[in-house]
Amino acid sequence: MIKHKVMMLGMWGVGKTSLVQRFVSRIYDDSYHSTIGVKIDKKVVHFDNEDVTLLLWDIAGAEDQFSIPMRYLHGTSGYLIVIDGTRKASLDCASELMQSIKQNLGEIPYIPIINKSDLAWEITPEEVTQYLDHKGPIFKSSAKTGENVEAAFLALAKAL
């Protein structure tokens, strides 16, 4: 069985924990739960006649003066960078986090997710593509409705 460590990265409140809950347990909780440090979940996915275990590291949301502890990065295979479509500031934060990952780990697979598609957005997928200089797919998701949640995780699993 193949195992991959996957980081969930993004600004505080973008929905990282909700996306993981929706993907792993197929549930959504309306109450806000701030992650302290890191929370690790696991899910086995099956494709191309193989089982792949995803170890999902839900990292505390980036705030002012926040940096990812280096020990969290060791062994990372890829990451999902979560952007809140209702907050343009989360796009700036995503860019900074991606630069930090590139400096510390080099180029590794990642998938951008613009979350909260069930709400009115301040940003467009085109802005995300340009701002992050991303050539691959960008997923518009909603942890609340489940829209594109599984598709985004599976796209990263396939890229790994």
Protein backbone atom coordinates (compact mmCIF):
# COMPACT_ATOMS: atom_id res chain seq x y z
CA MET A 1 0.00 0.00 0.00
CA ILE A 2 1.25 3.46 -0.92
CA LYS A 3 1.20 6.16 1.80
CA HIS A 4 1.41 9.90 1.23
CA LYS A 5 1.60 12.74 3.72
CA VAL A 6 -0.64 15.58 2.55
CA MET A 7 -0.64 19.03 4.15
CA MET A 8 -3.75 21.23 4.33
CA LEU A 9 -2.52 24.81 4.15
CA GLY A 10 -4.22 28.19 4.15
CA MET A 11 -5.23 31.20 6.17
CA TRP A 12 -7.26 30.77 9.37
CA GLY A 13 -10.96 30.19 8.74
CA VAL A 14 -10.73 29.14 5.08
CA GLY A 15 -12.29 25.73 5.80
CA LYS A 16 -9.33 23.32 5.94
CA THR A 17 -10.76 21.32 8.84
CA SER A 18 -14.24 21.28 7.31
CA LEU A 19 -12.86 20.02 4.00
CA VAL A 20 -10.99 17.21 5.76
CA GLN A 21 -14.10 16.26 7.78
CA ARG A 22 -16.21 16.23 4.62
CA PHE A 23 -13.65 14.09 2.76
CA VAL A 24 -12.86 11.63 5.55
CA SER A 25 -16.21 11.31 7.35
CA ARG A 26 -18.67 12.86 4.88
CA ILE A 27 -19.92 15.26 7.55
CA TYR A 28 -20.13 19.03 7.89
CA ASP A 29 -20.24 20.93 11.18
CA ASP A 30 -21.45 24.55 11.03
CA SER A 31 -19.58 25.56 14.19
CA TYR A 32 -16.08 26.99 13.83
CA HIS A 33 -13.28 24.94 15.37
CA SER A 34 -9.88 26.59 15.29
CA THR A 35 -7.09 24.06 14.85
CA ILE A 36 -4.29 24.33 17.39
CA GLY A 37 -1.01 23.03 15.98
CA VAL A 38 -1.88 20.07 13.76
CA LYS A 39 -4.65 17.49 13.50
CA ILE A 40 -3.93 14.31 11.55
CA ASP A 41 -6.56 12.21 9.79
CA LYS A 42 -6.24 9.24 7.45
CA LYS A 43 -8.22 8.04 4.46
CA VAL A 44 -7.59 5.19 2.05
CA VAL A 45 -8.57 5.87 -1.55
CA HIS A 46 -8.60 3.35 -4.36
CA PHE A 47 -7.75 4.08 -7.99
CA ASP A 48 -5.75 2.48 -10.79
CA ASN A 49 -6.06 -0.88 -8.98
CA GLU A 50 -4.13 0.43 -5.96
CA ASP A 51 -5.00 1.48 -2.44
CA VAL A 52 -3.40 4.77 -1.46
CA THR A 53 -3.36 5.98 2.15
CA LEU A 54 -3.52 9.73 2.55
CA LEU A 55 -2.25 11.03 5.89
CA LEU A 56 -3.95 14.42 6.07
CA TRP A 57 -2.14 17.00 8.19
CA ASP A 58 -4.56 19.82 8.98
CA ILE A 59 -2.19 22.64 9.98
CA ALA A 60 -3.35 25.58 12.12
CA GLY A 61 -4.41 28.48 9.93
CA ALA A 62 -1.81 31.04 9.00
CA GLU A 63 -2.15 34.37 10.77
CA ASP A 64 0.14 37.36 11.23
CA GLN A 65 3.65 36.26 12.23
CA PHE A 66 2.76 32.60 11.55
CA SER A 67 5.21 30.17 10.07
CA ILE A 68 4.84 26.46 9.54
CA PRO A 69 7.08 24.57 11.97
CA MET A 70 9.77 22.84 9.93
CA ARG A 71 9.17 19.52 11.67
CA TYR A 72 5.65 19.48 10.17
CA LEU A 73 7.08 19.61 6.64
CA HIS A 74 9.31 16.54 6.79
CA GLY A 75 8.03 13.77 4.55
CA THR A 76 5.35 15.84 2.84
CA SER A 77 4.37 14.42 -0.56
CA GLY A 78 1.99 17.21 -1.58
CA TYR A 79 -0.49 19.77 -0.32
CA LEU A 80 -3.85 21.36 -0.81
CA ILE A 81 -3.72 25.13 -0.62
CA VAL A 82 -7.13 26.35 0.55
CA ILE A 83 -8.39 29.79 -0.40
CA ASP A 84 -11.59 31.34 0.96
CA GLY A 85 -13.47 32.74 -2.01
CA THR A 86 -15.15 35.27 0.29
CA ARG A 87 -11.84 36.78 1.54
CA LYS A 88 -9.30 38.16 -0.91
CA ALA A 89 -6.67 38.26 1.87
CA SER A 90 -6.66 34.45 1.89
CA LEU A 91 -5.19 34.52 -1.64
CA ASP A 92 -2.23 36.63 -0.44
CA CYS A 93 -1.70 34.21 2.43
CA ALA A 94 -1.86 31.22 0.05
CA SER A 95 0.85 32.76 -2.12
CA GLU A 96 3.12 33.32 0.89
CA LEU A 97 2.59 29.77 2.15
CA MET A 98 3.38 28.35 -1.29
CA GLN A 99 6.62 30.35 -1.44
CA SER A 100 7.61 28.96 1.95
CA ILE A 101 6.89 25.38 0.81
CA LYS A 102 8.91 25.88 -2.39
CA GLN A 103 11.86 27.27 -0.41
CA ASN A 104 11.82 24.38 2.05
CA LEU A 105 10.67 21.42 -0.04
CA GLY A 106 11.13 22.47 -3.65
CA GLU A 107 8.47 21.79 -6.25
CA ILE A 108 5.99 19.20 -4.96
CA PRO A 109 2.45 18.47 -6.20
CA TYR A 110 -0.31 20.73 -4.94
CA ILE A 111 -3.92 21.54 -5.71
CA PRO A 112 -5.51 24.96 -5.09
CA ILE A 113 -9.04 24.86 -3.71
CA ILE A 114 -11.27 27.92 -3.61
CA ASN A 115 -13.64 27.02 -0.82
CA LYS A 116 -17.10 28.30 0.15
CA SER A 117 -18.67 28.11 -3.32
CA ASP A 118 -22.06 28.21 -1.58
CA LEU A 119 -21.41 31.90 -0.72
CA ALA A 120 -20.78 35.08 -2.74
CA TRP A 121 -17.09 35.40 -3.69
CA GLU A 122 -14.65 38.33 -3.78
CA ILE A 123 -12.23 36.52 -6.10
CA THR A 124 -12.42 34.52 -9.33
CA PRO A 125 -10.69 31.29 -10.36
CA GLU A 126 -8.90 33.31 -13.05
CA GLU A 127 -7.40 35.60 -10.41
CA VAL A 128 -6.18 32.56 -8.50
CA THR A 129 -4.61 31.08 -11.64
CA GLN A 130 -2.78 34.33 -12.40
CA TYR A 131 -1.81 35.19 -8.83
CA LEU A 132 -0.46 31.74 -7.99
CA ASP A 133 0.92 31.18 -11.51
CA HIS A 134 -0.80 27.79 -11.48
CA LYS A 135 -1.05 25.75 -14.67
CA GLY A 136 -3.17 22.82 -13.42
CA PRO A 137 -6.73 22.45 -12.19
CA ILE A 138 -8.22 24.71 -9.56
CA PHE A 139 -11.20 23.33 -7.68
CA LYS A 140 -14.19 25.39 -6.60
CA SER A 141 -15.51 23.65 -3.51
CA SER A 142 -17.90 23.82 -0.62
CA ALA A 143 -17.28 21.81 2.52
CA LYS A 144 -20.89 22.60 3.44
CA THR A 145 -22.48 21.06 0.31
CA GLY A 146 -19.64 18.65 -0.52
CA GLU A 147 -19.15 20.16 -3.99
CA ASN A 148 -15.80 19.06 -5.50
CA VAL A 149 -14.33 18.08 -2.13
CA GLU A 150 -13.60 14.46 -3.03
CA ALA A 151 -12.56 15.44 -6.56
CA ALA A 152 -9.87 17.81 -5.24
CA PHE A 153 -8.39 15.26 -2.84
CA LEU A 154 -8.42 12.55 -5.51
CA ALA A 155 -6.77 14.87 -8.03
CA LEU A 156 -3.91 15.41 -5.58
CA ALA A 157 -3.70 11.66 -4.82
CA LYS A 158 -3.36 10.96 -8.55
CA ALA A 159 -0.70 13.67 -8.92
CA LEU A 160 1.31 12.02 -6.15
